[in-house]
Protein backbone atom coordinates (compact mmCIF):
# COMPACT_ATOMS: atom_id res chain seq x y z
CA MET A 1 87.74 113.48 113.94
CA VAL A 2 88.31 112.79 110.23
CA ARG A 3 88.30 115.83 107.97
CA GLN A 4 87.75 115.69 104.23
CA THR A 5 89.00 118.36 101.83
CA GLY A 6 88.17 117.86 98.18
CA GLY A 7 89.66 114.53 97.13
CA MET A 8 91.71 114.29 100.31
CA GLN A 9 90.80 112.67 103.62
CA GLN A 10 92.80 113.59 106.68
CA LEU A 11 93.78 110.83 109.09
CA SER A 12 92.35 111.00 112.57
CA SER A 13 94.86 111.51 115.34
CA LEU A 14 94.32 107.90 116.46
CA ASP A 15 94.99 106.61 112.93
CA ALA A 16 98.18 108.67 112.79
CA GLN A 17 99.50 107.04 115.96
CA PHE A 18 99.78 103.76 114.03
CA LEU A 19 102.21 105.55 111.71
CA ASN A 20 104.10 107.19 114.57
CA VAL A 21 104.82 103.93 116.39
CA GLU A 22 106.81 102.44 113.50
CA SER A 23 110.50 102.07 114.18
CA ALA A 24 113.46 99.83 113.37
CA THR A 25 111.78 97.04 115.38
CA THR A 26 108.08 97.81 114.95
CA VAL A 27 105.78 97.76 111.93
CA GLY A 28 102.27 99.19 111.95
CA HIS A 29 100.45 96.91 109.55
CA VAL A 30 98.17 93.94 110.16
CA GLY A 31 97.51 91.00 107.89
CA SER A 32 95.87 87.65 107.33
CA LEU A 33 96.84 84.25 105.99
CA ILE A 34 94.05 82.70 103.92
CA MET A 35 94.39 78.96 103.34
CA LEU A 36 92.94 77.86 99.99
CA ASP A 37 91.80 74.68 98.30
CA PRO A 38 92.38 75.41 94.58
CA SER A 39 90.67 72.25 93.31
CA SER A 40 87.48 74.19 92.53
CA ALA A 41 89.31 77.03 90.73
CA PRO A 42 89.58 77.03 86.91
CA GLY A 43 92.25 74.51 85.94
CA GLY A 44 92.56 73.41 89.57
CA GLU A 45 94.93 76.27 90.42
CA LEU A 46 94.59 79.86 91.54
CA THR A 47 96.81 82.20 89.52
CA LEU A 48 97.94 85.78 90.11
CA ASP A 49 96.12 86.84 86.94
CA ARG A 50 92.94 85.34 88.34
CA ILE A 51 93.35 87.30 91.59
CA ARG A 52 93.85 90.48 89.62
CA GLU A 53 90.66 89.77 87.66
CA VAL A 54 88.81 89.52 90.97
CA VAL A 55 90.44 92.43 92.82
CA GLU A 56 90.77 95.13 90.16
CA PRO A 57 87.04 95.61 89.37
CA ARG A 58 86.34 95.84 93.12
CA LEU A 59 88.87 98.48 94.11
CA HIS A 60 86.11 101.09 94.42
CA LEU A 61 84.62 99.01 97.26
CA ALA A 62 87.73 99.44 99.45
CA ALA A 63 89.13 102.96 99.30
CA PRO A 64 92.38 102.19 101.24
CA LEU A 65 93.50 99.86 98.44
CA ARG A 66 94.11 102.76 96.04
CA GLN A 67 94.91 105.62 98.40
CA ARG A 68 98.37 106.71 99.47
CA LEU A 69 99.68 108.98 102.19
CA VAL A 70 100.83 112.55 101.77
CA SER A 71 102.41 114.43 104.66
CA VAL A 72 101.87 118.09 105.42
CA PRO A 73 105.17 120.03 105.14
CA LEU A 74 106.77 121.09 108.40
CA GLY A 75 104.36 118.84 110.33
CA LEU A 76 101.64 121.51 110.16
CA GLY A 77 98.85 118.95 110.23
CA LEU A 78 98.11 115.26 110.24
CA PRO A 79 98.75 113.33 106.99
CA TYR A 80 96.11 112.89 104.30
CA TRP A 81 94.89 109.95 102.24
CA ILE A 82 94.65 110.80 98.54
CA ASP A 83 93.73 108.73 95.50
CA ASP A 84 97.09 107.64 94.11
CA PRO A 85 97.50 109.16 90.62
CA ASP A 86 100.21 106.59 89.85
CA PHE A 87 98.36 103.54 91.21
CA ASP A 88 99.88 100.30 89.86
CA ILE A 89 98.08 97.16 90.98
CA GLU A 90 100.94 94.96 89.77
CA PHE A 91 103.17 96.45 92.46
CA HIS A 92 100.80 95.17 95.16
CA LEU A 93 100.06 91.68 93.78
CA ARG A 94 102.97 89.26 94.20
CA GLU A 95 103.61 85.52 94.27
CA ILE A 96 106.12 83.18 95.84
CA GLY A 97 106.58 79.41 96.06
CA LEU A 98 107.56 77.30 99.04
CA PRO A 99 110.29 74.66 98.74
CA GLU A 100 109.32 71.04 99.27
CA PRO A 101 107.48 69.86 101.29
CA GLY A 102 105.69 73.20 101.82
CA ASP A 103 104.60 72.35 105.36
CA GLN A 104 103.17 74.52 108.16
CA ALA A 105 106.59 75.46 109.50
CA GLN A 106 107.80 76.67 106.10
CA LEU A 107 104.61 78.59 105.40
CA SER A 108 104.58 80.30 108.77
CA GLU A 109 108.27 81.20 108.41
CA GLN A 110 107.64 82.89 105.06
CA VAL A 111 104.65 84.78 106.45
CA ALA A 112 106.69 85.93 109.46
CA ARG A 113 109.52 87.19 107.23
CA ILE A 114 107.21 89.10 104.89
CA HIS A 115 105.17 90.48 107.78
CA ALA A 116 108.30 91.89 109.42
CA ARG A 117 109.02 94.11 106.40
CA PRO A 118 107.51 97.63 106.46
CA LEU A 119 105.19 98.82 103.73
CA ASP A 120 106.33 101.40 101.19
CA ARG A 121 104.76 104.71 102.26
CA THR A 122 105.04 106.15 98.74
CA ARG A 123 102.39 103.64 97.61
CA PRO A 124 98.96 102.57 98.88
CA LEU A 125 99.73 100.71 102.09
CA TRP A 126 98.91 97.11 101.21
CA GLU A 127 100.42 94.02 99.62
CA MET A 128 99.00 90.63 98.63
CA TYR A 129 101.06 87.47 98.12
CA LEU A 130 99.82 84.32 96.39
CA ILE A 131 101.80 81.41 97.87
CA HIS A 132 102.24 78.24 95.82
CA ASN A 133 103.35 74.70 96.72
CA VAL A 134 101.66 74.55 100.10
CA SER A 135 101.44 70.95 101.32
CA ALA A 136 98.33 68.80 100.70
CA ALA A 137 97.83 70.45 97.28
CA ARG A 138 96.92 73.76 98.89
CA GLN A 139 97.69 77.38 98.13
CA ALA A 140 97.64 80.39 100.42
CA LEU A 141 97.04 84.11 100.16
CA TYR A 142 98.80 86.45 102.56
CA THR A 143 97.64 90.07 102.72
CA LYS A 144 98.81 93.00 104.79
CA VAL A 145 97.29 96.48 105.17
CA HIS A 146 98.50 99.32 107.38
CA HIS A 147 96.66 99.73 110.68
CA ALA A 148 96.45 103.48 110.00
CA ALA A 149 93.85 102.63 107.33
CA ILE A 150 91.86 99.83 109.01
CA ASP A 151 90.86 98.24 112.29
CA GLY A 152 89.70 94.65 112.78
CA ILE A 153 86.17 95.23 111.50
CA SER A 154 87.06 97.39 108.50
CA GLY A 155 89.89 94.97 107.71
CA ALA A 156 87.40 92.10 107.61
CA GLU A 157 85.23 94.20 105.30
CA ILE A 158 88.17 94.69 102.92
CA LEU A 159 88.78 90.94 102.89
CA GLY A 160 85.12 90.57 102.03
CA THR A 161 85.61 92.55 98.84
CA ILE A 162 87.88 89.85 97.38
CA MET A 163 85.81 86.88 98.57
CA ASP A 164 82.63 85.37 97.15
CA VAL A 165 79.91 83.10 98.48
CA THR A 166 79.94 81.06 95.25
CA VAL A 167 82.69 79.39 93.25
CA GLU A 168 82.04 81.76 90.34
CA PRO A 169 83.11 85.31 91.32
CA ARG A 170 80.30 87.84 91.40
CA VAL A 171 80.23 90.59 88.80
CA GLU A 172 80.60 94.06 90.29
CA GLU A 173 78.88 96.88 88.45
CA PRO A 174 81.34 99.76 87.90
CA PRO A 175 80.55 102.99 89.77
CA GLU A 176 78.69 105.74 87.94
CA ASP A 177 81.66 108.07 88.29
CA TYR A 178 84.74 106.50 86.76
CA TRP A 179 87.75 106.65 89.06
CA ALA A 180 89.95 109.50 87.86
CA PRO A 181 92.39 110.59 90.57
CA GLY A 182 93.54 114.17 90.43
CA PRO A 183 97.13 115.38 90.61
CA MET A 184 99.16 115.30 93.80
CA PRO A 185 98.31 118.25 96.05
CA SER A 186 100.91 120.99 96.10
CA PRO A 187 102.90 121.83 99.25
CA THR A 188 101.06 125.16 99.40
CA GLU A 189 97.68 123.41 99.34
CA LEU A 190 98.76 120.95 102.05
CA ILE A 191 100.12 123.71 104.29
CA GLY A 192 96.91 125.71 103.84
CA ASN A 193 94.75 122.74 104.76
CA GLY A 194 97.02 121.93 107.68
CA LEU A 195 96.77 125.46 109.06
CA VAL A 196 92.98 125.38 108.81
CA ALA A 197 92.90 122.06 110.69
CA MET A 198 95.22 123.43 113.37
CA ALA A 199 93.05 126.52 113.72
CA ASN A 200 90.02 124.30 114.31
CA GLN A 201 91.78 122.07 116.85
CA PRO A 202 91.19 124.39 119.84
CA LEU A 203 87.45 124.19 119.12
CA ASP A 204 87.67 120.41 119.03
CA ILE A 205 89.57 120.41 122.30
CA MET A 206 86.98 122.61 124.01
CA ARG A 207 84.25 120.27 122.81
CA ILE A 208 86.03 117.03 123.74
CA LEU A 209 87.84 117.77 127.01
CA PRO A 210 84.79 118.01 129.32
CA ARG A 211 83.72 114.46 128.49
CA ALA A 212 87.23 113.01 128.12
CA LEU A 213 89.22 114.34 131.07
CA PRO A 214 87.21 112.55 133.80
CA HIS A 215 88.29 109.30 132.13
CA LEU A 216 91.95 110.12 131.48
CA ALA A 217 93.07 107.68 134.20
CA ASP A 218 91.07 104.87 132.55
CA ILE A 219 93.31 104.85 129.47
CA PRO A 220 95.82 101.96 129.40
CA GLY A 221 99.18 103.33 130.49
CA ALA A 222 97.77 106.56 131.95
CA ALA A 223 98.79 105.48 135.45
CA PHE A 224 102.42 106.01 134.41
CA VAL A 225 101.74 109.67 133.56
CA PRO A 226 102.22 111.83 136.68
CA GLY A 227 99.03 113.60 137.72
CA SER A 228 96.67 111.68 135.45
CA LYS A 229 94.57 110.31 138.30
CA ALA A 230 94.38 113.72 140.02
CA ILE A 231 93.30 115.38 136.76
CA SER A 232 90.60 112.74 136.22
CA GLU A 233 89.26 113.09 139.75
CA LEU A 234 89.23 116.89 139.56
CA ALA A 235 87.48 116.85 136.17
CA GLU A 236 84.91 114.36 137.46
CA ALA A 237 84.22 116.54 140.49
CA VAL A 238 83.64 119.55 138.20
CA VAL A 239 81.24 117.52 136.04
CA ARG A 240 79.29 116.35 139.09
CA LEU A 241 79.09 119.89 140.46
CA ALA A 242 77.97 121.35 137.14
CA SER A 243 75.32 118.65 136.66
CA GLY A 244 74.01 118.76 140.21
CA GLY A 245 75.30 115.23 140.80
CA THR A 246 73.36 113.67 137.93
CA GLU A 247 76.45 112.90 135.82
CA GLY A 248 79.70 111.12 136.62
CA ARG A 249 81.00 107.62 137.16
CA ASP A 250 78.66 105.07 138.72
CA VAL A 251 81.44 102.49 138.98
CA GLY A 252 84.56 102.85 141.09
CA ARG A 253 87.86 102.88 139.20
CA ARG A 254 89.89 99.67 139.48
CA SER A 255 93.52 99.60 140.47
CA ILE A 256 95.26 97.11 138.16
CA THR A 257 98.86 96.02 138.55
CA THR A 258 100.54 94.45 135.54
CA PRO A 259 103.06 91.81 136.61
CA PRO A 260 106.38 91.41 134.79
CA THR A 261 106.54 88.42 132.42
CA PRO A 262 108.96 87.16 129.76
CA LEU A 263 106.60 88.70 127.19
CA ASN A 264 107.28 92.21 128.41
CA ALA A 265 110.70 93.29 127.22
CA PRO A 266 112.01 95.28 124.26
CA ILE A 267 111.25 93.41 121.03
CA THR A 268 113.46 92.93 117.99
CA ALA A 269 112.60 93.38 114.31
CA HIS A 270 112.23 89.63 113.78
CA ARG A 271 108.97 87.67 113.94
CA ARG A 272 107.58 84.19 114.35
CA PHE A 273 104.05 83.20 113.33
CA ALA A 274 101.87 80.21 114.18
CA TYR A 275 98.29 79.38 113.30
CA GLY A 276 95.58 76.84 114.01
CA SER A 277 91.83 76.29 114.26
CA LEU A 278 89.42 75.16 116.97
CA PRO A 279 85.88 73.89 116.31
CA LEU A 280 83.24 76.46 117.15
CA ASP A 281 80.71 73.83 118.23
CA GLU A 282 83.02 72.69 121.05
CA ILE A 283 83.53 76.32 122.08
CA LYS A 284 79.76 76.70 122.24
CA THR A 285 79.46 73.51 124.30
CA VAL A 286 81.63 75.14 126.97
CA LYS A 287 79.81 78.46 126.58
CA ASN A 288 76.42 76.87 127.19
CA ALA A 289 77.59 74.67 130.04
CA PHE A 290 78.94 77.60 132.06
CA SER A 291 76.62 80.41 130.85
CA MET A 292 79.49 82.30 129.23
CA THR A 293 79.99 84.17 125.98
CA VAL A 294 82.14 82.82 123.16
CA ASN A 295 84.65 85.57 123.88
CA ASP A 296 84.80 84.54 127.55
CA VAL A 297 85.62 80.98 126.48
CA VAL A 298 88.33 82.33 124.18
CA MET A 299 89.84 84.21 127.10
CA ALA A 300 89.72 81.05 129.24
CA LEU A 301 91.55 79.10 126.52
CA CYS A 302 94.21 81.79 126.20
CA THR A 303 94.62 81.98 129.98
CA SER A 304 95.29 78.25 130.23
CA ALA A 305 97.66 78.25 127.24
CA LEU A 306 99.58 81.25 128.55
CA ARG A 307 99.87 79.64 131.99
CA ARG A 308 101.63 76.62 130.45
CA TRP A 309 103.90 78.82 128.33
CA LEU A 310 104.86 81.00 131.29
CA LEU A 311 105.65 77.86 133.33
CA ASP A 312 107.84 76.63 130.46
CA HIS A 313 109.86 79.83 130.75
CA ASP A 314 109.95 80.08 134.57
CA GLY A 315 108.02 83.32 134.24
CA LEU A 316 104.61 82.62 135.80
CA PRO A 317 103.68 85.58 138.03
CA ALA A 318 101.94 85.05 141.35
CA THR A 319 99.17 87.48 140.36
CA PRO A 320 96.83 87.65 137.33
CA ILE A 321 98.26 88.83 134.05
CA VAL A 322 96.53 91.79 132.37
CA VAL A 323 95.13 91.30 128.88
CA ALA A 324 94.07 94.12 126.56
CA VAL A 325 90.96 93.26 124.54
CA PRO A 326 90.17 95.57 121.59
CA VAL A 327 86.48 96.44 121.26
CA SER A 328 84.88 97.88 118.14
CA VAL A 329 82.91 101.09 118.79
CA ARG A 330 81.81 101.33 115.15
CA THR A 331 78.16 102.31 114.88
CA ASP A 332 75.74 101.15 112.19
CA ASP A 333 76.20 104.49 110.41
CA GLN A 334 79.97 103.94 110.35
CA GLN A 335 79.91 100.52 108.73
CA GLY A 336 82.08 100.65 105.63
CA ASP A 337 84.19 103.57 106.90
CA SER A 338 87.94 103.08 106.90
CA GLY A 339 90.21 104.01 109.79
CA ASN A 340 90.15 103.00 113.44
CA LEU A 341 86.99 103.09 115.53
CA ILE A 342 88.09 101.04 118.52
CA SER A 343 88.51 101.13 122.25
CA VAL A 344 90.33 98.79 124.65
CA MET A 345 89.09 96.78 127.62
CA LEU A 346 91.59 95.58 130.26
CA ALA A 347 90.92 92.20 131.86
CA GLU A 348 92.79 90.40 134.66
CA MET A 349 93.29 86.76 133.71
CA PRO A 350 94.12 84.20 136.46
CA THR A 351 97.13 82.41 134.95
CA HIS A 352 98.38 81.89 138.52
CA VAL A 353 95.48 79.51 139.35
CA ALA A 354 96.40 75.85 138.90
CA ASP A 355 92.94 74.24 139.07
CA ALA A 356 91.12 74.37 135.73
CA ALA A 357 87.64 74.87 137.20
CA GLU A 358 88.81 77.63 139.54
CA ARG A 359 90.70 79.24 136.67
CA LEU A 360 87.57 79.22 134.51
CA ALA A 361 85.56 80.87 137.30
CA GLY A 362 88.32 83.45 137.65
CA VAL A 363 88.13 84.26 133.96
CA GLN A 364 84.38 84.81 134.25
CA ARG A 365 84.89 87.23 137.16
CA GLY A 366 87.74 88.99 135.38
CA MET A 367 85.72 89.50 132.20
CA ALA A 368 82.65 90.69 134.15
CA ASP A 369 84.78 93.27 136.00
CA ALA A 370 86.41 94.37 132.76
CA LYS A 371 83.06 94.85 131.01
CA GLU A 372 81.69 96.83 133.96
CA GLN A 373 84.67 99.18 133.85
CA PHE A 374 84.53 99.45 130.06
CA ASP A 375 80.85 100.42 130.11
CA ALA A 376 81.63 103.22 132.59
CA VAL A 377 83.91 104.96 130.06
CA PRO A 378 82.77 106.74 126.86
CA ALA A 379 83.15 104.47 123.84
CA SER A 380 85.01 107.20 121.95
CA ILE A 381 87.63 107.79 124.67
CA LEU A 382 90.67 106.75 122.58
CA GLN A 383 89.56 108.87 119.65
CA ASP A 384 88.78 111.81 121.96
CA LEU A 385 92.06 111.85 123.85
CA SER A 386 94.10 111.30 120.68
CA ALA A 387 92.34 114.28 119.11
CA VAL A 388 93.39 116.70 121.86
CA ILE A 389 97.11 116.00 121.37
CA PRO A 390 98.51 119.03 119.49
CA THR A 391 99.37 118.02 115.92
CA ALA A 392 102.99 119.11 116.25
CA LEU A 393 103.40 116.86 119.30
CA SER A 394 101.56 113.81 117.95
CA GLY A 395 104.66 111.87 116.95
CA LEU A 396 106.54 112.86 120.09
CA ALA A 397 103.64 111.65 122.26
CA ALA A 398 103.71 108.20 120.69
CA LYS A 399 107.48 107.92 121.11
CA ALA A 400 107.28 109.08 124.73
CA ILE A 401 104.77 106.33 125.54
CA PHE A 402 107.08 103.72 124.07
CA GLN A 403 110.08 105.10 125.97
CA MET A 404 108.23 104.32 129.21
CA MET A 405 108.72 100.66 128.38
CA SER A 406 112.47 101.05 128.89
CA LEU A 407 111.65 101.87 132.52
CA GLY A 408 109.78 98.59 132.93
CA ALA A 409 106.33 100.21 132.94
CA PHE A 410 103.76 98.11 131.09
CA PRO A 411 100.00 98.85 131.12
CA PHE A 412 99.18 95.23 130.14
CA ASN A 413 100.95 92.03 129.16
CA LEU A 414 99.53 91.30 125.70
CA PHE A 415 96.63 91.81 123.29
CA VAL A 416 94.00 89.14 122.66
CA SER A 417 91.56 90.09 119.92
CA ASN A 418 88.47 88.30 118.57
CA VAL A 419 87.18 89.41 115.14
CA PRO A 420 83.76 88.06 114.07
CA GLY A 421 83.51 86.57 110.61
CA PRO A 422 81.02 84.82 108.31
CA GLN A 423 79.73 81.35 109.14
CA LEU A 424 79.49 80.09 105.57
CA PRO A 425 82.03 78.86 103.01
CA LEU A 426 83.75 81.50 100.89
CA TYR A 427 85.86 81.47 97.72
CA VAL A 428 88.65 83.55 96.20
CA GLY A 429 88.76 83.33 92.42
CA GLY A 430 87.01 79.96 92.62
CA ALA A 431 89.39 78.52 95.24
CA GLY A 432 87.72 77.45 98.47
CA VAL A 433 88.69 79.31 101.65
CA LEU A 434 89.70 76.77 104.30
CA GLY A 435 90.70 79.21 107.03
CA VAL A 436 91.46 82.88 107.71
CA TYR A 437 94.31 83.33 110.19
CA PRO A 438 95.02 86.88 111.42
CA VAL A 439 98.59 88.20 111.47
CA SER A 440 98.51 91.19 113.80
CA ALA A 441 101.16 93.52 115.25
CA ILE A 442 103.40 93.60 118.30
CA THR A 443 105.27 96.49 119.90
CA ASP A 444 107.36 97.15 122.99
CA PHE A 445 104.22 98.75 124.46
CA THR A 446 101.84 95.84 123.77
CA GLY A 447 104.09 92.87 124.53
CA ALA A 448 106.05 90.33 122.49
CA LEU A 449 102.98 88.20 121.64
CA ASN A 450 99.67 89.01 120.01
CA VAL A 451 96.81 86.50 119.83
CA THR A 452 94.11 87.32 117.28
CA LEU A 453 91.37 85.05 116.05
CA PHE A 454 88.79 85.18 113.29
CA SER A 455 85.57 83.15 113.33
CA TYR A 456 84.90 81.51 109.99
CA ASN A 457 82.60 78.72 108.82
CA GLY A 458 82.31 76.77 112.05
CA ALA A 459 85.82 77.38 113.40
CA LEU A 460 87.85 79.87 115.36
CA ASP A 461 91.02 80.52 113.36
CA PHE A 462 93.92 81.63 115.60
CA GLY A 463 96.91 83.61 114.39
CA LEU A 464 99.79 84.20 116.81
CA ILE A 465 102.51 86.71 115.93
CA ALA A 466 105.51 87.05 118.24
CA CYS A 467 109.00 88.41 118.64
CA ARG A 468 111.30 85.73 117.32
CA GLU A 469 113.82 86.04 120.13
CA LEU A 470 111.41 86.38 123.06
CA VAL A 471 108.87 83.74 121.93
CA PRO A 472 110.84 81.27 119.80
CA ASP A 473 108.42 78.44 120.62
CA VAL A 474 105.20 80.16 119.52
CA TRP A 475 103.96 76.92 117.93
CA ASN A 476 103.74 75.38 121.41
CA LEU A 477 100.94 77.80 122.20
CA ILE A 478 98.80 76.40 119.39
CA GLY A 479 99.07 72.96 120.98
CA TYR A 480 98.34 74.44 124.41
CA LEU A 481 95.16 76.09 123.07
CA GLU A 482 94.00 72.73 121.70
CA ASP A 483 94.70 71.03 125.03
CA ALA A 484 92.89 73.81 126.90
CA LEU A 485 89.74 73.25 124.85
CA THR A 486 89.88 69.51 125.50
CA GLU A 487 90.13 70.25 129.21
CA LEU A 488 87.16 72.66 129.18
CA VAL A 489 84.99 70.29 127.17
CA ALA A 490 85.72 67.59 129.75
CA LEU A 491 84.66 69.97 132.53
CA SER A 492 81.41 70.63 130.65
CA GLU A 493 80.34 66.96 130.72
């Protein structure tokens, strides 16, 4: 639950977990690499001044871009977002140039290095880099924003504030109330607000627990917490008794076993990044041929690519791998809100199946089972259970979950995320957008590889971020995804 006090907005407990997970090897921000054709920009080149001219008048459209964190003294409450009284846009806008020839390998290496660096928590949690001397007369724009402020959908909305549907940037009318941030809140004010929030937390817990506890065992990783299944079953029995049997689960709870793979080991602080695009019309050809969704086809592609990678590393398990698929639970009324409004669906993907047709059928069954289980759980379950963690224990809870990884307990093998985007050409400062490649996050908990894709203008743009030491050959996976699509298209004929 997000609380607002004057000019301050308190983070939800789920948002705060993205701050708590940061460590010497883990950063909590997400980003994107935007490939640009500057030929249509003024003078045939996009400049940092031009980007500032586009971004600065639109800051009021994306609150996280000019808000910074303040912590409550003594940990007596979750942090707050406040309008930064010392906001300096020049700190956030930067530029670099690649050495010749400026190819894919050099660009991805620079992105990986910048992405591995944490954001400065004394400033609004975002940075934007204009990258010059990209091969084929291109430029690129790399942005990163902390996950505590955005999820996939709200992140796409922020990107939308800097993009235009025409070469000439649109003119944004200034808001009626000119932005005039107040002074930093005093420690006394923060402590007072924190104590009020803590006093209200028992009421929140009493409201949330009855609907959340029956689903405790459905949360990824809950199986590693002693007693979680017993608590869920007892809570469900109480709900059924109180409702006369009219409420409760209609779907039996799955028992999922996550196999060990080379992806599931402690990560380092170093990253590799790879990117590529697949034509959406070919994806739809497969979708129509086998009565699937686009997301199901994406999962089939990833399953085939991961099978080849696991074989390369002598790490193919004999059972399906488990993939976590983020799902937006943002309602129409919440469009435009910052923060995280997400849940997670767990799907078993048959990487162990050698035959392509059988593997595709296995993906369809795995996704159908995953959706059935997901629909049986309240959409707000992650927000609910995060909210009942006592504020003083919030950081400790996140660290305890990650310490389970040292015992070899993994709730899933990796994240695969699909973010919908616009199917029309866009521009940044007059430069044409050629592709939007996500640069997500990895942790010990979520695995050494993250696959995120963004649909844009007739293509699915893949961005793969990985631990440099555990997945040194991440570029191979881009080729494997391309080969997997060729294979599925052939099956569709």
